[in-house]
Protein backbone atom coordinates (compact mmCIF):
# COMPACT_ATOMS: atom_id res chain seq x y z
CA MET A 1 188.01 122.62 71.72
CA SER A 2 184.67 124.45 71.47
CA GLN A 3 183.78 123.26 74.99
CA PHE A 4 187.00 124.86 76.25
CA PHE A 5 186.15 128.21 74.66
CA THR A 6 182.56 128.01 75.95
CA TYR A 7 183.73 127.63 79.55
CA PHE A 8 186.51 130.18 79.03
CA ALA A 9 183.96 132.74 77.78
CA LEU A 10 181.61 131.95 80.67
CA GLY A 11 184.42 132.52 83.19
CA TYR A 12 185.47 135.75 81.50
CA ASP A 13 181.88 137.00 81.25
CA HIS A 14 181.19 136.05 84.85
CA ILE A 15 184.02 138.18 86.27
CA SER A 16 183.48 141.10 83.90
CA ASP A 17 179.71 141.28 84.53
CA ILE A 18 179.01 144.55 86.33
CA ARG A 19 176.21 142.84 88.28
CA GLY A 20 178.97 140.92 90.08
CA PHE A 21 180.57 144.19 91.15
CA ASP A 22 181.47 142.83 94.58
CA HIS A 23 184.18 140.67 93.01
CA LEU A 24 185.38 143.59 90.89
CA LEU A 25 185.43 145.83 93.96
CA PHE A 26 187.50 143.28 95.86
CA ILE A 27 190.08 143.08 93.07
CA ILE A 28 190.33 146.86 92.77
CA THR A 29 190.57 147.32 96.54
CA LEU A 30 193.22 144.59 96.77
CA CYS A 31 195.33 146.26 94.06
CA SER A 32 194.88 149.89 95.07
CA VAL A 33 197.68 149.76 97.65
CA TYR A 34 200.32 148.90 95.03
CA PRO A 35 202.01 151.37 92.68
CA ILE A 36 202.21 150.55 88.99
CA SER A 37 205.90 149.65 89.39
CA GLU A 38 204.88 146.62 91.51
CA TRP A 39 202.80 145.05 88.74
CA LYS A 40 204.47 141.66 89.25
CA LYS A 41 203.26 141.53 92.86
CA VAL A 42 199.77 142.43 91.72
CA GLY A 43 199.85 139.65 89.11
CA ILE A 44 200.87 137.15 91.78
CA LEU A 45 198.13 138.43 94.11
CA ILE A 46 195.49 137.97 91.42
CA THR A 47 196.82 134.49 90.70
CA ALA A 48 196.68 133.62 94.43
CA PHE A 49 193.08 134.81 94.44
CA THR A 50 192.34 132.64 91.39
CA ILE A 51 193.98 129.59 92.99
CA GLY A 52 191.77 130.10 96.04
CA HIS A 53 188.53 130.28 94.15
CA SER A 54 189.60 127.46 91.81
CA ALA A 55 190.05 125.19 94.83
CA THR A 56 186.59 126.01 96.16
CA LEU A 57 184.97 125.60 92.76
CA ALA A 58 186.57 122.16 92.40
CA LEU A 59 185.54 121.06 95.90
CA SER A 60 182.03 122.34 95.33
CA ALA A 61 181.72 120.68 91.89
CA LEU A 62 182.88 117.40 93.44
CA HIS A 63 180.32 117.88 96.25
CA VAL A 64 183.04 117.81 98.91
CA ILE A 65 181.76 121.11 100.27
CA LEU A 66 178.25 122.47 100.08
CA PRO A 67 178.52 126.16 100.95
CA ASN A 68 175.67 127.94 102.66
CA MET A 69 175.05 130.77 100.22
CA TYR A 70 173.64 133.10 102.86
CA TRP A 71 176.94 133.04 104.77
CA VAL A 72 179.02 133.20 101.60
CA GLU A 73 177.13 136.25 100.33
CA LEU A 74 177.64 137.85 103.75
CA LEU A 75 181.35 136.96 103.94
CA ILE A 76 182.21 138.38 100.50
CA PRO A 77 181.62 142.02 101.53
CA PHE A 78 183.52 141.31 104.75
CA THR A 79 186.54 140.36 102.62
CA ILE A 80 186.27 143.71 100.84
CA PHE A 81 185.92 145.59 104.13
CA PHE A 82 188.88 143.78 105.71
CA THR A 83 191.05 144.40 102.63
CA SER A 84 190.06 148.09 102.65
CA MET A 85 190.98 148.45 106.30
CA SER A 86 194.27 146.59 105.89
CA ASN A 87 195.17 148.94 103.02
CA LEU A 88 194.97 151.87 105.40
CA TYR A 89 197.67 150.29 107.57
CA HIS A 90 199.85 149.16 104.67
CA ARG A 91 203.41 150.43 104.96
CA PRO A 92 205.13 150.68 101.56
CA SER A 93 208.49 150.83 103.26
CA ALA A 94 207.87 147.57 105.13
CA LYS A 95 210.28 144.74 104.46
CA LYS A 96 209.35 142.63 101.45
CA TRP A 97 208.95 139.43 103.45
CA GLN A 98 206.33 141.12 105.64
CA GLN A 99 204.27 142.15 102.61
CA VAL A 100 204.49 138.69 101.07
CA SER A 101 203.66 136.90 104.30
CA TYR A 102 200.46 138.91 104.69
CA HIS A 103 198.97 139.84 101.29
CA TYR A 104 199.38 136.60 99.33
CA PRO A 105 197.80 134.31 101.94
CA MET A 106 195.02 136.89 102.41
CA ALA A 107 194.31 136.88 98.65
CA LEU A 108 194.34 133.07 98.65
CA LEU A 109 192.01 132.81 101.66
CA PHE A 110 189.61 135.42 100.31
CA GLY A 111 189.74 133.64 96.95
CA LEU A 112 188.36 130.56 98.70
CA ILE A 113 185.42 132.62 99.96
CA HIS A 114 184.78 134.32 96.60
CA GLY A 115 185.03 130.94 94.89
CA MET A 116 182.10 129.75 96.98
CA GLY A 117 180.18 132.69 95.53
CA PHE A 118 180.90 131.35 92.03
CA SER A 119 180.13 127.74 93.00
CA ASN A 120 176.35 127.73 92.38
CA PHE A 121 176.85 129.28 88.95
CA PHE A 122 179.61 126.82 88.04
CA ASN A 123 177.70 123.80 89.38
CA ALA A 124 174.65 124.79 87.34
CA LEU A 125 176.88 124.92 84.25
CA MET A 126 178.33 121.49 84.98
CA GLY A 127 175.00 119.76 85.56
CA ASP A 128 175.56 116.03 85.93
CA SER A 129 178.92 116.01 84.16
CA SER A 130 181.47 113.79 85.87
CA SER A 131 184.54 115.35 84.24
CA ILE A 132 185.25 118.72 85.78
CA LEU A 133 188.95 119.16 85.09
CA TRP A 134 188.81 120.67 81.59
CA PRO A 135 185.73 122.88 82.19
CA LEU A 136 187.17 124.05 85.54
CA PHE A 137 190.49 124.93 83.92
CA ALA A 138 188.80 126.83 81.08
CA PHE A 139 186.39 128.64 83.39
CA ASN A 140 189.18 129.70 85.76
CA LEU A 141 191.42 130.76 82.89
CA GLY A 142 188.60 132.99 81.67
CA LEU A 143 188.22 134.40 85.19
CA GLU A 144 191.98 135.00 85.48
CA ILE A 145 192.22 136.76 82.11
CA GLY A 146 189.19 138.88 83.01
CA GLN A 147 190.67 139.81 86.39
CA LEU A 148 194.03 140.70 84.87
CA LEU A 149 192.28 142.85 82.26
CA ILE A 150 190.42 144.68 85.04
CA VAL A 151 193.73 145.27 86.83
CA VAL A 152 195.38 146.56 83.63
CA LEU A 153 192.49 148.99 83.03
CA PHE A 154 192.60 150.06 86.68
CA PHE A 155 196.32 150.83 86.54
CA ALA A 156 196.00 152.49 83.11
CA PHE A 157 193.39 154.81 84.61
CA TYR A 158 195.70 155.53 87.56
CA TYR A 159 198.62 156.21 85.20
CA VAL A 160 196.62 158.72 83.15
CA LEU A 161 195.19 160.37 86.27
CA HIS A 162 198.64 160.62 87.86
CA ARG A 163 200.19 162.10 84.71
CA TRP A 164 197.47 164.73 84.31
CA THR A 165 196.77 165.67 87.92
CA LYS A 166 199.76 164.36 89.90
CA PHE A 167 197.31 162.26 91.94
CA GLU A 168 199.57 160.47 94.43
CA GLN A 169 199.59 156.81 95.42
CA LYS A 170 198.57 157.55 99.02
CA SER A 171 195.46 159.44 97.85
CA TRP A 172 194.67 156.70 95.32
CA THR A 173 194.86 154.03 98.02
CA LEU A 174 192.82 156.10 100.46
CA PHE A 175 190.11 156.82 97.85
CA PHE A 176 189.64 153.22 96.71
CA SER A 177 190.01 151.76 100.19
CA GLY A 178 187.42 154.21 101.49
CA ALA A 179 185.09 153.43 98.59
CA GLY A 180 185.60 149.69 99.13
CA ALA A 181 184.88 150.02 102.86
CA GLY A 182 181.77 152.15 102.27
CA VAL A 183 180.24 149.94 99.59
CA SER A 184 181.07 146.75 101.52
CA LEU A 185 179.36 148.10 104.64
CA ILE A 186 176.24 148.82 102.57
CA LEU A 187 176.36 145.27 101.15
CA ILE A 188 176.80 143.79 104.63
CA LEU A 189 173.78 145.70 105.94
CA GLU A 190 171.70 144.70 102.92
CA ARG A 191 172.58 141.03 103.36
CA ILE A 192 171.96 140.95 107.09
């Protein structure tokens, strides 16, 4: 059981490490378009993201895919930029099936890309180990718990800000989408 907790802690620490702020920025940008009342949707989005990067971590650990880290590190800020731009065109009054058909697959697809960013770290942890199932599960559970905690803190901050200043959802989305777009453009330029 100690191996489980070791990998769990590594996954949690990896997502909550401020040096990996590009993953944090993606999560915040992804969630900024949703009001607190849609917390279930946000939970499903985060889980879709986790499923995506779990799949890539597994494929990478099994040496099925060998991602080119230059392209992965360049694609990650593009996922943030694309999410930021899509937030600006998000229509809260759109039919539910339209939101589901767009946001969940996007989170899953971008999870695949972000998972490639985690793959070198995870593969270094695994070394020559042939059994990846238990460590992969523990690592991803740690990532998922860390991501959900980030989302809870993000929405708690929004709740307090809204109560004190009447900061509206549209302004919240615009601020974080703009910040996500700006930072991601800087990251893209740095990585080119």
